[in-house]
Amino acid sequence: MIDSDEKLAAYLAIVRAAAWIAVDTEADSLHAYPEKLCLIQISTVDGDRLVDPLANINLAPLLDALNAHQLIMHAADYDLRLLRKHHEFVPSAIFDTMLAARLLGERLFSLGNLVEHHLGVKLEKGSQKANWARRPLTERMEQYARNDTHHLKPLADKLKSELAAKGRLAWHEETCARLIEDSTRLDPTDHDFVWRVKGSHLLSRPALALLRALWHWREREALAANRPPFFVMRHEDLVEIAVAAVDSRPVEPLVPKHLSDRRREGLAAAVKAGLALPPEQHPDIPRYKTRRPNEAERRRCTEIEKRRDARAHQLALDPTLIASRATLADLAFSWDTHAPQLMNWQRELLKP
């Protein structure tokens, strides 16, 4: 485990000189709130290493060294978001093995499936939900973490060869670049949206006011306990309590039995505060503008969908890789407006 500046400094020369680098990360999102980046796994021709971001070390030199390489990763979406959020790291280029497998038409594209299919190696799954903030890591956790990057180079080589043979290597390069762009964009927090949990769209304005108060109470509890919010109370419970309280029905039967007396008092205070808000302070009910496509748009959408499905069948691809249903509707409304938002290979496949 690299857990000191001295160990990291000694390792940097290996990273900088590496002909290839495979990277993965582990977080503690199932065990802490907010989540933390707990582990960075790195494989090079020199072997597999584990870097401890929780140790008091300066990761900037390592991240700079990684940025000079194309990084081999698998299903990089979450890892990219994690590294951008916690360490402001955006890689210059990646080779995502999951995206490669999907662009080759493979239907089973988890790392375990791909490694077993292409390399004949069966990976252990036992530590997927482990608490990666614990120290020291168990031997089993270390082995699991190393396996996440150990096989990525030979797997990437096989997939890259197949992509080149099918003329899809440029598709993959463009898709990986789009993944980096989409996963590392920091959108501003919409404070009127974050508390609108599943089921909130059915609530009245008074119930929304109460739900908002309950959500903020749960958020404070989760942060204080360093536990994910669902450990405090489920979304469904918040919605049911908000509806019951506004309808003047008893709330107590809906409160989870595991809630402590202190939390019950806090919940009761949140209910009281939400009910006391005057109507002018109640949240608005979102009004989503939807336009009904006219007959000409429906015909165009059907034509584009047929082209998409025919090309997907011809290429043995999942049709949604080429374009989602929502994208088809946008293209049918205005091809000139929405086609430039597609990747080049998608646009070529969809053209008449």
Protein backbone atom coordinates (compact mmCIF):
# COMPACT_ATOMS: atom_id res chain seq x y z
CA MET A 1 0.00 0.00 0.00
CA ILE A 2 1.40 3.40 -0.96
CA ASP A 3 0.41 5.52 2.03
CA SER A 4 3.24 8.05 2.48
CA ASP A 5 4.81 10.80 0.40
CA GLU A 6 8.09 8.88 0.46
CA LYS A 7 6.54 5.74 -1.01
CA LEU A 8 4.65 7.79 -3.57
CA ALA A 9 7.78 9.69 -4.64
CA ALA A 10 9.56 6.39 -5.22
CA TYR A 11 6.65 5.11 -7.32
CA LEU A 12 6.31 8.20 -9.53
CA ALA A 13 9.25 7.25 -11.72
CA ILE A 14 7.51 3.97 -12.58
CA VAL A 15 4.28 5.77 -13.48
CA ARG A 16 6.01 8.38 -15.61
CA ALA A 17 8.00 5.77 -17.54
CA ALA A 18 5.12 3.31 -17.94
CA ALA A 19 4.30 2.15 -21.48
CA TRP A 20 0.70 1.61 -20.36
CA ILE A 21 -1.34 2.26 -17.20
CA ALA A 22 -4.57 0.69 -15.95
CA VAL A 23 -6.55 2.51 -13.24
CA ASP A 24 -9.57 1.88 -11.02
CA THR A 25 -10.93 3.40 -7.81
CA GLU A 26 -12.92 2.37 -4.75
CA ALA A 27 -15.20 4.58 -2.64
CA ASP A 28 -17.25 4.12 0.52
CA SER A 29 -20.64 5.31 -0.77
CA LEU A 30 -22.46 2.40 0.90
CA HIS A 31 -20.89 3.12 4.28
CA ALA A 32 -20.30 6.88 4.61
CA TYR A 33 -21.89 10.22 3.73
CA PRO A 34 -20.69 12.03 1.83
CA GLU A 35 -18.66 9.39 0.02
CA LYS A 36 -14.86 9.50 -0.10
CA LEU A 37 -12.31 8.24 -2.59
CA CYS A 38 -10.74 5.42 -0.58
CA LEU A 39 -8.39 3.62 -2.95
CA ILE A 40 -6.70 4.06 -6.32
CA GLN A 41 -5.57 0.87 -8.02
CA ILE A 42 -2.83 1.18 -10.63
CA SER A 43 -1.32 -1.52 -12.83
CA THR A 44 1.71 -1.13 -15.09
CA VAL A 45 4.16 -3.59 -16.61
CA ASP A 46 5.97 -3.25 -13.26
CA GLY A 47 3.01 -4.77 -11.37
CA ASP A 48 -0.06 -3.76 -9.37
CA ARG A 49 -0.05 -1.02 -6.72
CA LEU A 50 -2.63 0.33 -4.30
CA VAL A 51 -2.55 4.04 -3.42
CA ASP A 52 -4.26 5.25 -0.24
CA PRO A 53 -5.99 8.65 -0.75
CA LEU A 54 -7.09 8.55 2.90
CA ALA A 55 -3.49 8.78 4.07
CA ASN A 56 -2.05 12.25 4.51
CA ILE A 57 -0.24 12.33 1.17
CA ASN A 58 -0.10 14.79 -1.73
CA LEU A 59 -1.68 13.09 -4.74
CA ALA A 60 -1.04 15.97 -7.16
CA PRO A 61 2.26 14.59 -8.56
CA LEU A 62 0.65 11.18 -9.14
CA LEU A 63 -2.37 12.68 -10.90
CA ASP A 64 -0.10 14.80 -13.09
CA ALA A 65 1.84 11.69 -14.04
CA LEU A 66 -1.34 9.77 -14.83
CA ASN A 67 -2.61 12.61 -17.01
CA ALA A 68 0.33 12.15 -19.37
CA HIS A 69 -0.98 8.69 -20.36
CA GLN A 70 -4.03 7.11 -21.88
CA LEU A 71 -5.57 5.25 -18.93
CA ILE A 72 -7.09 1.81 -19.36
CA MET A 73 -10.30 1.66 -17.29
CA HIS A 74 -13.50 -0.36 -17.09
CA ALA A 75 -16.90 1.33 -16.84
CA ALA A 76 -15.10 4.57 -16.07
CA ASP A 77 -18.17 6.77 -15.57
CA TYR A 78 -18.28 6.61 -11.75
CA ASP A 79 -14.49 6.64 -11.35
CA LEU A 80 -14.21 9.77 -13.49
CA ARG A 81 -16.90 11.55 -11.49
CA LEU A 82 -15.22 10.54 -8.24
CA LEU A 83 -11.76 11.76 -9.29
CA ARG A 84 -13.16 15.02 -10.68
CA LYS A 85 -15.28 15.74 -7.61
CA HIS A 86 -12.69 14.97 -4.94
CA HIS A 87 -9.37 15.68 -6.65
CA GLU A 88 -10.24 17.85 -9.68
CA PHE A 89 -8.63 15.24 -11.92
CA VAL A 90 -9.66 14.89 -15.56
CA PRO A 91 -7.65 12.38 -17.64
CA SER A 92 -6.43 13.37 -21.08
CA ALA A 93 -7.55 10.06 -22.64
CA ILE A 94 -8.93 6.68 -21.61
CA PHE A 95 -9.55 3.26 -23.12
CA ASP A 96 -12.75 1.98 -21.54
CA THR A 97 -13.02 -1.80 -21.85
CA MET A 98 -16.76 -1.85 -21.14
CA LEU A 99 -17.44 0.62 -23.94
CA ALA A 100 -15.19 -1.40 -26.23
CA ALA A 101 -17.15 -4.59 -25.49
CA ARG A 102 -20.49 -2.86 -26.09
CA LEU A 103 -19.30 -1.41 -29.40
CA LEU A 104 -18.33 -4.95 -30.41
CA GLY A 105 -21.88 -6.09 -29.72
CA GLU A 106 -21.18 -8.04 -26.53
CA ARG A 107 -24.22 -8.34 -24.26
CA LEU A 108 -22.40 -9.40 -21.07
CA PHE A 109 -19.89 -6.66 -20.39
CA SER A 110 -19.12 -6.65 -16.66
CA LEU A 111 -15.41 -6.93 -15.90
CA GLY A 112 -15.90 -10.46 -14.58
CA ASN A 113 -17.74 -11.57 -17.73
CA LEU A 114 -15.19 -10.03 -20.07
CA VAL A 115 -12.12 -11.36 -18.25
CA GLU A 116 -13.61 -14.85 -18.12
CA HIS A 117 -14.71 -14.78 -21.78
CA HIS A 118 -11.57 -13.27 -23.30
CA LEU A 119 -8.84 -14.36 -20.88
CA GLY A 120 -10.25 -17.50 -19.28
CA VAL A 121 -9.88 -16.07 -15.75
CA LYS A 122 -12.70 -16.15 -13.19
CA LEU A 123 -12.64 -13.20 -10.79
CA GLU A 124 -13.90 -13.33 -7.22
CA LYS A 125 -16.83 -10.99 -6.49
CA GLY A 126 -16.81 -11.14 -2.69
CA SER A 127 -15.59 -7.63 -1.81
CA GLN A 128 -17.81 -5.54 -4.09
CA LYS A 129 -19.73 -4.01 -1.17
CA ALA A 130 -16.88 -3.89 1.32
CA ASN A 131 -16.12 -0.80 3.39
CA TRP A 132 -13.08 0.52 1.53
CA ALA A 133 -12.37 3.12 4.21
CA ARG A 134 -11.30 0.45 6.69
CA ARG A 135 -7.60 0.15 7.44
CA PRO A 136 -5.80 -2.10 7.17
CA LEU A 137 -7.49 -3.74 4.19
CA THR A 138 -8.00 -7.46 4.53
CA GLU A 139 -5.97 -9.72 2.30
CA ARG A 140 -9.16 -10.60 0.41
CA MET A 141 -9.98 -6.92 -0.17
CA GLU A 142 -6.45 -6.24 -1.43
CA GLN A 143 -6.64 -9.13 -3.88
CA TYR A 144 -10.06 -8.01 -5.11
CA ALA A 145 -8.80 -4.45 -5.61
CA ARG A 146 -5.71 -5.57 -7.51
CA ASN A 147 -7.80 -7.78 -9.79
CA ASP A 148 -9.78 -4.72 -10.90
CA THR A 149 -6.76 -3.49 -12.88
CA HIS A 150 -4.49 -6.54 -13.16
CA HIS A 151 -6.23 -7.93 -16.26
CA LEU A 152 -7.17 -4.68 -17.99
CA LYS A 153 -4.14 -4.44 -20.30
CA PRO A 154 -4.47 -7.90 -21.93
CA LEU A 155 -8.24 -7.42 -22.08
CA ALA A 156 -7.84 -4.01 -23.73
CA ASP A 157 -5.39 -5.45 -26.25
CA LYS A 158 -7.86 -8.11 -27.36
CA LEU A 159 -10.77 -5.69 -27.55
CA LYS A 160 -8.72 -3.07 -29.40
CA SER A 161 -7.68 -5.65 -31.99
CA GLU A 162 -11.33 -6.63 -32.55
CA LEU A 163 -12.42 -2.99 -32.79
CA ALA A 164 -9.75 -2.33 -35.41
CA ALA A 165 -10.76 -5.43 -37.38
CA LYS A 166 -14.38 -4.21 -37.48
CA GLY A 167 -13.46 -0.63 -38.30
CA ARG A 168 -14.84 0.66 -34.98
CA LEU A 169 -11.71 1.90 -33.25
CA ALA A 170 -12.51 5.52 -34.11
CA TRP A 171 -16.02 4.98 -32.70
CA HIS A 172 -14.49 3.89 -29.43
CA GLU A 173 -12.04 6.79 -29.27
CA GLU A 174 -14.86 9.27 -29.82
CA THR A 175 -17.12 7.56 -27.29
CA CYS A 176 -14.39 7.57 -24.64
CA ALA A 177 -13.76 11.27 -25.26
CA ARG A 178 -17.49 11.97 -24.87
CA LEU A 179 -17.54 9.92 -21.64
CA ILE A 180 -14.74 12.04 -20.18
CA GLU A 181 -16.58 15.20 -21.17
CA ASP A 182 -19.93 14.10 -19.76
CA SER A 183 -18.59 12.55 -16.55
CA THR A 184 -16.33 15.40 -15.50
CA ARG A 185 -18.71 18.30 -16.15
CA LEU A 186 -19.66 19.93 -12.86
CA ASP A 187 -23.26 21.07 -13.03
CA PRO A 188 -24.41 23.60 -10.40
CA THR A 189 -26.60 22.21 -7.63
CA ASP A 190 -30.29 22.94 -8.09
CA HIS A 191 -31.41 23.48 -4.49
CA ASP A 192 -35.06 23.34 -5.53
CA PHE A 193 -34.54 19.93 -7.08
CA VAL A 194 -32.27 17.91 -4.76
CA TRP A 195 -35.03 17.20 -2.23
CA ARG A 196 -37.65 16.17 -4.81
CA VAL A 197 -37.36 12.42 -4.30
CA LYS A 198 -39.20 9.66 -6.12
CA GLY A 199 -42.96 10.14 -5.70
CA SER A 200 -42.77 13.86 -4.98
CA HIS A 201 -44.31 14.74 -8.36
CA LEU A 202 -47.65 13.49 -7.05
CA LEU A 203 -47.74 15.78 -4.00
CA SER A 204 -49.64 18.99 -3.37
CA ARG A 205 -47.77 22.20 -2.55
CA PRO A 206 -48.34 21.86 1.25
CA ALA A 207 -47.08 18.27 1.12
CA LEU A 208 -44.06 19.38 -0.91
CA ALA A 209 -43.26 21.97 1.78
CA LEU A 210 -43.36 19.24 4.39
CA LEU A 211 -41.30 16.84 2.26
CA ARG A 212 -38.65 19.53 1.83
CA ALA A 213 -38.44 20.04 5.61
CA LEU A 214 -38.20 16.28 6.18
CA TRP A 215 -35.49 15.89 3.50
CA HIS A 216 -33.33 18.59 5.09
CA TRP A 217 -33.81 16.98 8.51
CA ARG A 218 -32.69 13.61 7.09
CA GLU A 219 -29.73 15.23 5.33
CA ARG A 220 -28.50 16.75 8.61
CA GLU A 221 -28.87 13.40 10.35
CA ALA A 222 -26.99 11.57 7.60
CA LEU A 223 -24.11 14.03 7.64
CA ALA A 224 -23.87 13.94 11.44
CA ALA A 225 -23.86 10.15 11.49
CA ASN A 226 -21.58 9.82 8.42
CA ARG A 227 -24.08 7.33 6.99
CA PRO A 228 -25.94 7.34 3.67
CA PRO A 229 -29.40 8.99 3.96
CA PHE A 230 -31.29 5.74 3.28
CA PHE A 231 -29.90 4.41 6.58
CA VAL A 232 -31.79 7.20 8.34
CA MET A 233 -35.05 6.91 6.41
CA ARG A 234 -36.16 5.76 2.97
CA HIS A 235 -37.49 8.15 0.33
CA GLU A 236 -40.83 6.34 0.43
CA ASP A 237 -41.17 6.97 4.17
CA LEU A 238 -40.56 10.70 3.73
CA VAL A 239 -43.27 10.94 1.08
CA GLU A 240 -45.80 8.91 3.09
CA ILE A 241 -45.21 10.98 6.24
CA ALA A 242 -45.56 14.24 4.32
CA VAL A 243 -48.89 13.16 2.81
CA ALA A 244 -50.25 11.85 6.12
CA ALA A 245 -49.29 14.97 8.08
CA VAL A 246 -50.88 17.32 5.55
CA ASP A 247 -54.05 15.19 5.60
CA SER A 248 -54.08 15.38 9.45
CA ARG A 249 -53.57 11.63 9.73
CA PRO A 250 -51.36 10.03 12.43
CA VAL A 251 -47.70 10.05 11.46
CA GLU A 252 -46.36 7.76 14.19
CA PRO A 253 -47.42 4.46 12.50
CA LEU A 254 -45.36 5.45 9.47
CA VAL A 255 -42.16 6.19 11.40
CA PRO A 256 -39.61 3.34 11.06
CA LYS A 257 -39.21 1.38 14.27
CA HIS A 258 -35.41 1.68 14.22
CA LEU A 259 -35.55 5.46 14.72
CA SER A 260 -34.13 6.59 18.06
CA ASP A 261 -36.06 8.85 20.43
CA ARG A 262 -33.78 11.76 19.53
CA ARG A 263 -34.43 11.31 15.82
CA ARG A 264 -38.16 10.96 16.43
CA GLU A 265 -38.09 14.32 18.17
CA GLY A 266 -36.19 15.85 15.27
CA LEU A 267 -38.62 14.39 12.77
CA ALA A 268 -41.57 15.73 14.75
CA ALA A 269 -39.96 19.19 14.78
CA ALA A 270 -39.45 19.01 11.00
CA VAL A 271 -43.10 18.06 10.50
CA LYS A 272 -44.21 20.95 12.70
CA ALA A 273 -41.96 23.42 10.85
CA GLY A 274 -43.16 22.21 7.45
CA LEU A 275 -46.82 22.50 8.43
CA ALA A 276 -46.29 26.00 9.82
CA LEU A 277 -45.04 27.47 6.54
CA PRO A 278 -47.44 29.97 4.95
CA PRO A 279 -48.75 29.13 1.46
CA GLU A 280 -46.52 31.69 -0.24
CA GLN A 281 -43.48 29.73 0.97
CA HIS A 282 -44.69 26.40 -0.38
CA PRO A 283 -42.64 25.00 -3.28
CA ASP A 284 -44.13 25.16 -6.73
CA ILE A 285 -45.36 22.06 -8.47
CA PRO A 286 -43.07 21.58 -11.49
CA ARG A 287 -44.80 22.17 -14.79
CA TYR A 288 -42.99 20.25 -17.47
CA LYS A 289 -43.59 21.53 -20.95
CA THR A 290 -44.12 18.67 -23.35
CA ARG A 291 -44.92 19.13 -26.98
CA ARG A 292 -46.93 16.52 -28.80
CA PRO A 293 -45.30 15.59 -32.10
CA ASN A 294 -47.36 16.22 -35.16
CA GLU A 295 -48.07 13.57 -37.76
CA ALA A 296 -45.07 14.53 -39.91
CA GLU A 297 -42.72 14.27 -36.90
CA ARG A 298 -44.13 10.86 -35.98
CA ARG A 299 -43.49 9.61 -39.50
CA ARG A 300 -39.94 10.97 -39.47
CA CYS A 301 -39.30 9.39 -36.06
CA THR A 302 -40.51 6.01 -37.34
CA GLU A 303 -38.27 6.30 -40.40
CA ILE A 304 -35.20 7.20 -38.32
CA GLU A 305 -35.96 4.40 -35.86
CA LYS A 306 -36.19 1.89 -38.70
CA ARG A 307 -32.81 3.04 -40.03
CA ARG A 308 -31.31 2.82 -36.55
CA ASP A 309 -32.67 -0.66 -35.90
CA ALA A 310 -31.62 -1.94 -39.34
CA ARG A 311 -28.05 -0.70 -38.84
CA ALA A 312 -27.97 -2.03 -35.27
CA HIS A 313 -29.13 -5.46 -36.49
CA GLN A 314 -26.59 -5.41 -39.32
CA LEU A 315 -23.77 -4.52 -36.91
CA ALA A 316 -25.05 -6.69 -33.99
CA LEU A 317 -25.23 -3.61 -31.75
CA ASP A 318 -27.61 -2.51 -29.04
CA PRO A 319 -29.75 0.08 -30.91
CA THR A 320 -29.65 2.50 -27.97
CA LEU A 321 -25.89 2.86 -28.47
CA ILE A 322 -26.67 4.54 -31.76
CA ALA A 323 -29.52 6.69 -30.43
CA SER A 324 -31.99 6.59 -27.56
CA ARG A 325 -35.73 6.93 -28.09
CA ALA A 326 -35.58 10.53 -26.82
CA THR A 327 -32.80 11.32 -29.28
CA LEU A 328 -34.87 9.89 -32.13
CA ALA A 329 -37.73 12.21 -31.18
CA ASP A 330 -35.37 15.20 -31.13
CA LEU A 331 -33.98 14.30 -34.55
CA ALA A 332 -37.48 13.93 -35.95
CA PHE A 333 -38.36 17.39 -34.65
CA SER A 334 -35.25 19.04 -36.12
CA TRP A 335 -32.42 17.05 -37.65
CA ASP A 336 -30.32 20.17 -38.28
CA THR A 337 -30.58 21.24 -34.62
CA HIS A 338 -29.94 17.90 -32.93
CA ALA A 339 -27.77 15.89 -35.33
CA PRO A 340 -24.64 17.95 -34.44
CA GLN A 341 -25.03 16.76 -30.83
CA LEU A 342 -24.48 13.16 -31.94
CA MET A 343 -21.05 11.64 -32.19
CA ASN A 344 -19.73 11.39 -35.73
CA TRP A 345 -20.16 7.62 -35.96
CA GLN A 346 -23.72 7.80 -34.66
CA ARG A 347 -24.64 10.50 -37.15
CA GLU A 348 -23.18 8.49 -40.04
CA LEU A 349 -25.19 5.40 -39.07
CA LEU A 350 -28.43 7.38 -38.84
CA LYS A 351 -28.09 9.31 -42.09
CA PRO A 352 -30.49 8.29 -44.87
